[in-house]
């Protein structure tokens, strides 16, 4: 299992691109007649992505960038907390505690940080798509 929680076979290749291009690339690569083998499949995917003007990024690089983003967001939230700039989140936390009295502020903030990372990824429209 990798850092992102995905089970990837040893020697497998996973490339990432913006959504929804990943589905179109995968379908076109499957339909294209090409020699058997992993390298041929990867070459076909790269060629189709190039024809569609879609950049591909190795999964490991996407994971590393994601980890950097999570660290940055965490640091920014911690800085904001130290400066007393989390008033709106504090109000939301108190409202959430009405529905779940066991909710801790740390758990609430972790969920908020995750939501920020997901929202950022959705804005960037990133998706991992190929496991060749």
N, C-alpha and C. Protein backbone atom coordinates (compact mmCIF):
# COMPACT_ATOMS: atom_id res chain seq x y z
N UNK A 1 0.86 -1.17 0.00
CA UNK A 1 0.00 0.00 0.00
C UNK A 1 0.91 1.24 0.00
N UNK A 2 0.57 2.22 -0.85
CA UNK A 2 1.40 3.42 -0.91
C UNK A 2 0.92 4.48 0.09
N UNK A 3 1.57 5.65 0.07
CA UNK A 3 1.25 6.72 1.01
C UNK A 3 -0.17 7.23 0.88
N UNK A 4 -0.76 7.05 -0.30
CA UNK A 4 -2.13 7.52 -0.52
C UNK A 4 -3.16 6.46 -0.16
N UNK A 5 -2.69 5.29 0.29
CA UNK A 5 -3.62 4.23 0.66
C UNK A 5 -4.06 3.36 -0.49
N UNK A 6 -3.38 3.47 -1.62
CA UNK A 6 -3.74 2.66 -2.78
C UNK A 6 -2.87 1.41 -2.83
N UNK A 7 -3.50 0.31 -3.20
CA UNK A 7 -2.74 -0.92 -3.37
C UNK A 7 -2.31 -1.00 -4.82
N UNK A 8 -1.01 -0.87 -5.02
CA UNK A 8 -0.46 -0.87 -6.37
C UNK A 8 0.53 -2.01 -6.45
N UNK A 9 0.35 -2.85 -7.46
CA UNK A 9 1.26 -3.97 -7.65
C UNK A 9 2.67 -3.46 -7.89
N UNK A 10 3.64 -4.21 -7.38
CA UNK A 10 5.04 -3.86 -7.62
C UNK A 10 5.29 -3.82 -9.12
N UNK A 11 5.94 -2.80 -9.57
CA UNK A 11 6.23 -2.66 -10.99
C UNK A 11 5.11 -2.03 -11.80
N UNK A 12 3.98 -1.76 -11.16
CA UNK A 12 2.87 -1.13 -11.88
C UNK A 12 3.18 0.34 -12.13
N UNK A 13 2.53 0.89 -13.14
CA UNK A 13 2.71 2.30 -13.48
C UNK A 13 1.37 2.99 -13.26
N UNK A 14 1.39 4.08 -12.50
CA UNK A 14 0.17 4.86 -12.32
C UNK A 14 0.49 6.29 -12.69
N UNK A 15 -0.27 6.81 -13.63
CA UNK A 15 -0.10 8.19 -14.06
C UNK A 15 -1.36 8.96 -13.70
N UNK A 16 -1.22 10.22 -13.41
CA UNK A 16 -2.35 11.05 -13.01
C UNK A 16 -2.51 12.21 -13.99
N UNK A 17 -3.77 12.64 -14.14
CA UNK A 17 -4.07 13.80 -14.99
C UNK A 17 -5.35 14.43 -14.49
N UNK A 18 -5.73 15.52 -15.13
CA UNK A 18 -6.95 16.19 -14.72
C UNK A 18 -8.17 15.36 -15.11
N UNK A 19 -9.19 15.46 -14.30
CA UNK A 19 -10.45 14.77 -14.57
C UNK A 19 -11.27 15.68 -15.47
N UNK A 20 -12.07 15.21 -16.40
CA UNK A 20 -12.43 13.83 -16.71
C UNK A 20 -11.56 13.21 -17.81
N UNK A 21 -10.45 13.84 -18.12
CA UNK A 21 -9.60 13.34 -19.21
C UNK A 21 -9.12 11.92 -18.95
N UNK A 22 -8.93 11.57 -17.69
CA UNK A 22 -8.39 10.24 -17.37
C UNK A 22 -9.26 9.14 -17.95
N UNK A 23 -10.56 9.30 -17.86
CA UNK A 23 -11.47 8.27 -18.37
C UNK A 23 -11.38 8.17 -19.89
N UNK A 24 -11.34 9.32 -20.56
CA UNK A 24 -11.23 9.32 -22.02
C UNK A 24 -9.92 8.70 -22.48
N UNK A 25 -8.84 9.00 -21.78
CA UNK A 25 -7.54 8.45 -22.14
C UNK A 25 -7.54 6.94 -21.94
N UNK A 26 -8.04 6.49 -20.81
CA UNK A 26 -8.06 5.05 -20.52
C UNK A 26 -8.90 4.29 -21.55
N UNK A 27 -10.06 4.84 -21.90
CA UNK A 27 -10.92 4.17 -22.90
C UNK A 27 -10.24 4.13 -24.27
N UNK A 28 -9.64 5.22 -24.67
CA UNK A 28 -8.97 5.27 -25.98
C UNK A 28 -7.78 4.31 -26.01
N UNK A 29 -7.04 4.24 -24.91
CA UNK A 29 -5.90 3.32 -24.85
C UNK A 29 -6.36 1.87 -24.91
N UNK A 30 -7.48 1.57 -24.27
CA UNK A 30 -8.02 0.21 -24.31
C UNK A 30 -8.48 -0.17 -25.71
N UNK A 31 -9.02 0.80 -26.42
CA UNK A 31 -9.56 0.53 -27.76
C UNK A 31 -8.46 0.46 -28.82
N UNK A 32 -7.34 1.11 -28.56
CA UNK A 32 -6.26 1.15 -29.54
C UNK A 32 -5.59 -0.22 -29.64
N UNK A 33 -5.37 -0.66 -30.86
CA UNK A 33 -4.66 -1.92 -31.08
C UNK A 33 -3.17 -1.65 -30.88
N UNK A 34 -2.59 -2.29 -29.89
CA UNK A 34 -1.16 -2.11 -29.66
C UNK A 34 -0.58 -3.42 -29.16
N UNK A 35 0.71 -3.57 -29.26
CA UNK A 35 1.34 -4.80 -28.78
C UNK A 35 1.05 -5.02 -27.30
N UNK A 36 1.05 -6.26 -26.90
CA UNK A 36 0.79 -6.59 -25.50
C UNK A 36 1.95 -6.14 -24.63
N UNK A 37 1.67 -5.95 -23.37
CA UNK A 37 2.72 -5.63 -22.42
C UNK A 37 2.51 -4.28 -21.77
N UNK A 38 3.08 -4.16 -20.59
CA UNK A 38 2.93 -2.94 -19.83
C UNK A 38 3.51 -1.73 -20.54
N UNK A 39 4.72 -1.86 -21.07
CA UNK A 39 5.36 -0.70 -21.70
C UNK A 39 4.54 -0.23 -22.90
N UNK A 40 3.99 -1.17 -23.68
CA UNK A 40 3.16 -0.80 -24.83
C UNK A 40 1.91 -0.05 -24.36
N UNK A 41 1.32 -0.51 -23.26
CA UNK A 41 0.13 0.16 -22.73
C UNK A 41 0.48 1.57 -22.24
N UNK A 42 1.59 1.70 -21.55
CA UNK A 42 2.02 3.01 -21.06
C UNK A 42 2.32 3.94 -22.23
N UNK A 43 2.99 3.41 -23.25
CA UNK A 43 3.29 4.21 -24.43
C UNK A 43 2.01 4.68 -25.11
N UNK A 44 1.02 3.78 -25.20
CA UNK A 44 -0.26 4.16 -25.82
C UNK A 44 -0.95 5.25 -25.02
N UNK A 45 -0.95 5.12 -23.71
CA UNK A 45 -1.58 6.14 -22.87
C UNK A 45 -0.86 7.48 -23.03
N UNK A 46 0.46 7.45 -23.02
CA UNK A 46 1.22 8.70 -23.19
C UNK A 46 0.94 9.34 -24.54
N UNK A 47 0.86 8.53 -25.59
CA UNK A 47 0.58 9.06 -26.93
C UNK A 47 -0.81 9.69 -27.00
N UNK A 48 -1.79 9.00 -26.45
CA UNK A 48 -3.16 9.52 -26.48
C UNK A 48 -3.25 10.80 -25.66
N UNK A 49 -2.63 10.82 -24.50
CA UNK A 49 -2.64 12.03 -23.67
C UNK A 49 -2.01 13.20 -24.41
N UNK A 50 -0.91 12.93 -25.11
CA UNK A 50 -0.24 13.99 -25.88
C UNK A 50 -1.16 14.50 -26.99
N UNK A 51 -1.85 13.57 -27.68
CA UNK A 51 -2.79 13.97 -28.74
C UNK A 51 -3.91 14.84 -28.17
N UNK A 52 -4.32 14.55 -26.92
CA UNK A 52 -5.41 15.30 -26.28
C UNK A 52 -4.89 16.53 -25.53
N UNK A 53 -3.56 16.75 -25.60
CA UNK A 53 -2.94 17.89 -24.90
C UNK A 53 -3.21 17.83 -23.39
N UNK A 54 -3.08 16.62 -22.84
CA UNK A 54 -3.27 16.41 -21.41
C UNK A 54 -1.95 15.97 -20.81
N UNK A 55 -1.51 16.69 -19.80
CA UNK A 55 -0.28 16.32 -19.12
C UNK A 55 -0.49 15.15 -18.19
N UNK A 56 0.50 14.29 -18.10
CA UNK A 56 0.46 13.15 -17.20
C UNK A 56 1.56 13.33 -16.16
N UNK A 57 1.26 12.96 -14.94
CA UNK A 57 2.22 13.06 -13.85
C UNK A 57 2.27 11.71 -13.14
N UNK A 58 3.46 11.21 -12.87
CA UNK A 58 3.56 9.96 -12.12
C UNK A 58 2.87 10.08 -10.75
N UNK A 59 2.20 9.01 -10.35
CA UNK A 59 1.44 8.99 -9.10
C UNK A 59 2.30 9.40 -7.90
N UNK A 60 3.52 8.93 -7.82
CA UNK A 60 4.38 9.24 -6.68
C UNK A 60 4.61 10.75 -6.54
N UNK A 61 4.71 11.44 -7.67
CA UNK A 61 4.89 12.90 -7.64
C UNK A 61 3.61 13.57 -7.14
N UNK A 62 2.45 13.07 -7.60
CA UNK A 62 1.17 13.62 -7.14
C UNK A 62 1.03 13.43 -5.64
N UNK A 63 1.39 12.25 -5.13
CA UNK A 63 1.32 12.00 -3.69
C UNK A 63 2.24 12.95 -2.94
N UNK A 64 3.46 13.13 -3.43
CA UNK A 64 4.41 14.03 -2.76
C UNK A 64 3.88 15.47 -2.74
N UNK A 65 3.32 15.91 -3.85
CA UNK A 65 2.76 17.27 -3.91
C UNK A 65 1.57 17.40 -2.96
N UNK A 66 0.76 16.36 -2.89
CA UNK A 66 -0.39 16.38 -1.99
C UNK A 66 0.06 16.48 -0.54
N UNK A 67 1.09 15.72 -0.20
CA UNK A 67 1.60 15.78 1.17
C UNK A 67 2.14 17.17 1.48
N UNK A 68 2.78 17.80 0.51
CA UNK A 68 3.28 19.16 0.71
C UNK A 68 2.11 20.12 0.93
N UNK A 69 1.04 19.94 0.16
CA UNK A 69 -0.14 20.81 0.29
C UNK A 69 -0.79 20.63 1.66
N UNK A 70 -0.91 19.39 2.10
CA UNK A 70 -1.50 19.12 3.42
C UNK A 70 -0.65 19.78 4.51
N UNK A 71 0.66 19.65 4.40
CA UNK A 71 1.55 20.26 5.39
C UNK A 71 1.39 21.78 5.38
N UNK A 72 1.34 22.37 4.19
CA UNK A 72 1.19 23.82 4.08
C UNK A 72 -0.13 24.29 4.68
N UNK A 73 -1.21 23.60 4.34
CA UNK A 73 -2.53 23.98 4.88
C UNK A 73 -2.53 23.84 6.39
N UNK A 74 -1.95 22.75 6.88
CA UNK A 74 -1.86 22.56 8.33
C UNK A 74 -1.11 23.68 9.01
N UNK A 75 0.00 24.08 8.42
CA UNK A 75 0.80 25.17 8.98
C UNK A 75 0.01 26.49 8.95
N UNK A 76 -0.69 26.76 7.85
CA UNK A 76 -1.47 27.99 7.75
C UNK A 76 -2.60 28.02 8.77
N UNK A 77 -3.26 26.88 8.96
CA UNK A 77 -4.34 26.82 9.95
C UNK A 77 -3.78 26.99 11.35
N UNK A 78 -2.65 26.36 11.63
CA UNK A 78 -2.03 26.51 12.96
C UNK A 78 -1.62 27.96 13.21
N UNK A 79 -1.07 28.61 12.19
CA UNK A 79 -0.70 30.03 12.32
C UNK A 79 -1.95 30.88 12.59
N UNK A 80 -3.01 30.61 11.84
CA UNK A 80 -4.25 31.36 12.03
C UNK A 80 -4.81 31.13 13.43
N UNK A 81 -4.70 29.89 13.91
CA UNK A 81 -5.19 29.59 15.25
C UNK A 81 -4.40 30.37 16.30
N UNK A 82 -3.08 30.42 16.16
CA UNK A 82 -2.25 31.16 17.11
C UNK A 82 -2.57 32.66 17.09
N UNK A 83 -2.98 33.16 15.93
CA UNK A 83 -3.27 34.59 15.80
C UNK A 83 -4.73 34.92 16.13
N UNK A 84 -5.51 33.90 16.47
CA UNK A 84 -6.91 34.12 16.84
C UNK A 84 -7.82 34.38 15.64
N UNK A 85 -7.46 33.85 14.48
CA UNK A 85 -8.23 34.10 13.27
C UNK A 85 -9.18 32.96 12.90
N UNK A 86 -9.57 32.14 13.85
CA UNK A 86 -10.44 31.00 13.55
C UNK A 86 -11.85 31.17 14.12
N UNK A 87 -12.29 32.41 14.23
CA UNK A 87 -13.59 32.66 14.85
C UNK A 87 -14.74 31.95 14.14
N UNK A 88 -14.72 31.99 12.81
CA UNK A 88 -15.80 31.34 12.06
C UNK A 88 -15.78 29.83 12.28
N UNK A 89 -14.58 29.22 12.24
CA UNK A 89 -14.48 27.78 12.49
C UNK A 89 -14.88 27.44 13.92
N UNK A 90 -14.58 28.33 14.85
CA UNK A 90 -14.97 28.08 16.24
C UNK A 90 -16.49 28.07 16.35
N UNK A 91 -17.15 28.98 15.65
CA UNK A 91 -18.63 28.99 15.64
C UNK A 91 -19.16 27.71 15.03
N UNK A 92 -18.57 27.28 13.90
CA UNK A 92 -19.00 26.04 13.26
C UNK A 92 -18.75 24.84 14.17
N UNK A 93 -17.63 24.85 14.87
CA UNK A 93 -17.32 23.76 15.79
C UNK A 93 -18.37 23.68 16.89
N UNK A 94 -18.72 24.82 17.47
CA UNK A 94 -19.73 24.84 18.54
C UNK A 94 -21.07 24.33 18.03
N UNK A 95 -21.42 24.70 16.81
CA UNK A 95 -22.68 24.21 16.23
C UNK A 95 -22.62 22.70 16.00
N UNK A 96 -21.48 22.22 15.55
CA UNK A 96 -21.32 20.78 15.32
C UNK A 96 -21.37 20.01 16.63
N UNK A 97 -20.86 20.60 17.71
CA UNK A 97 -20.87 19.93 19.02
C UNK A 97 -22.28 19.73 19.54
N UNK A 98 -23.22 20.56 19.10
CA UNK A 98 -24.62 20.38 19.50
C UNK A 98 -25.10 19.02 19.01
N UNK A 99 -24.69 18.64 17.81
CA UNK A 99 -25.11 17.37 17.22
C UNK A 99 -24.24 16.20 17.66
N UNK A 100 -22.98 16.48 18.03
CA UNK A 100 -22.06 15.43 18.47
C UNK A 100 -21.22 15.95 19.63
N UNK A 101 -21.73 15.77 20.85
CA UNK A 101 -21.01 16.29 22.02
C UNK A 101 -19.62 15.68 22.23
N UNK A 102 -19.33 14.56 21.58
CA UNK A 102 -18.01 13.94 21.74
C UNK A 102 -16.97 14.52 20.80
N UNK A 103 -17.40 15.39 19.88
CA UNK A 103 -16.48 15.97 18.90
C UNK A 103 -15.47 16.88 19.59
N UNK A 104 -14.19 16.59 19.34
CA UNK A 104 -13.13 17.45 19.88
C UNK A 104 -12.77 18.51 18.83
N UNK A 105 -12.18 19.60 19.31
CA UNK A 105 -11.78 20.65 18.38
C UNK A 105 -10.70 20.13 17.43
N UNK A 106 -9.79 19.31 17.95
CA UNK A 106 -8.73 18.75 17.10
C UNK A 106 -9.32 17.90 15.98
N UNK A 107 -10.30 17.07 16.30
CA UNK A 107 -10.92 16.22 15.26
C UNK A 107 -11.70 17.08 14.26
N UNK A 108 -12.37 18.10 14.77
CA UNK A 108 -13.10 19.02 13.90
C UNK A 108 -12.15 19.73 12.94
N UNK A 109 -11.02 20.22 13.48
CA UNK A 109 -10.06 20.94 12.65
C UNK A 109 -9.41 20.00 11.63
N UNK A 110 -9.16 18.76 12.02
CA UNK A 110 -8.59 17.80 11.05
C UNK A 110 -9.56 17.62 9.88
N UNK A 111 -10.85 17.50 10.18
CA UNK A 111 -11.86 17.37 9.12
C UNK A 111 -11.89 18.62 8.24
N UNK A 112 -11.73 19.79 8.85
CA UNK A 112 -11.72 21.03 8.08
C UNK A 112 -10.50 21.10 7.17
N UNK A 113 -9.35 20.67 7.68
CA UNK A 113 -8.13 20.66 6.87
C UNK A 113 -8.29 19.70 5.68
N UNK A 114 -8.86 18.54 5.95
CA UNK A 114 -9.10 17.58 4.87
C UNK A 114 -10.04 18.18 3.84
N UNK A 115 -11.07 18.85 4.30
CA UNK A 115 -12.02 19.49 3.38
C UNK A 115 -11.32 20.54 2.52
N UNK A 116 -10.39 21.29 3.10
CA UNK A 116 -9.63 22.28 2.33
C UNK A 116 -8.79 21.62 1.26
N UNK A 117 -8.13 20.52 1.61
CA UNK A 117 -7.30 19.81 0.63
C UNK A 117 -8.17 19.26 -0.49
N UNK A 118 -9.31 18.65 -0.13
CA UNK A 118 -10.21 18.10 -1.15
C UNK A 118 -10.75 19.20 -2.05
N UNK A 119 -11.15 20.31 -1.46
CA UNK A 119 -11.67 21.43 -2.25
C UNK A 119 -10.60 21.96 -3.20
N UNK A 120 -9.37 22.03 -2.72
CA UNK A 120 -8.27 22.49 -3.57
C UNK A 120 -8.06 21.53 -4.73
N UNK A 121 -8.06 20.24 -4.43
CA UNK A 121 -7.89 19.23 -5.48
C UNK A 121 -9.03 19.30 -6.49
N UNK A 122 -10.25 19.50 -6.01
CA UNK A 122 -11.39 19.58 -6.93
C UNK A 122 -11.28 20.82 -7.82
N UNK A 123 -10.80 21.90 -7.25
CA UNK A 123 -10.60 23.09 -8.08
C UNK A 123 -9.55 22.83 -9.14
N UNK A 124 -8.55 22.07 -8.77
CA UNK A 124 -7.49 21.75 -9.73
C UNK A 124 -7.92 20.63 -10.67
N UNK A 125 -9.02 19.97 -10.32
CA UNK A 125 -9.60 18.88 -11.12
C UNK A 125 -8.56 17.79 -11.40
N UNK A 126 -7.90 17.36 -10.34
CA UNK A 126 -6.90 16.31 -10.48
C UNK A 126 -7.52 14.95 -10.19
N UNK A 127 -7.03 13.98 -10.91
CA UNK A 127 -7.50 12.63 -10.69
C UNK A 127 -6.41 11.66 -11.14
N UNK A 128 -6.32 10.55 -10.45
CA UNK A 128 -5.38 9.50 -10.86
C UNK A 128 -6.16 8.47 -11.64
N UNK A 129 -5.58 8.01 -12.76
CA UNK A 129 -6.40 7.21 -13.62
C UNK A 129 -5.80 5.95 -14.20
N UNK A 130 -4.53 5.82 -14.28
CA UNK A 130 -4.00 4.68 -15.03
C UNK A 130 -3.24 3.77 -14.11
N UNK A 131 -3.51 2.52 -14.23
CA UNK A 131 -2.76 1.51 -13.48
C UNK A 131 -2.43 0.45 -14.52
N UNK A 132 -1.26 0.61 -15.16
CA UNK A 132 -0.95 -0.24 -16.30
C UNK A 132 -0.06 -1.38 -15.98
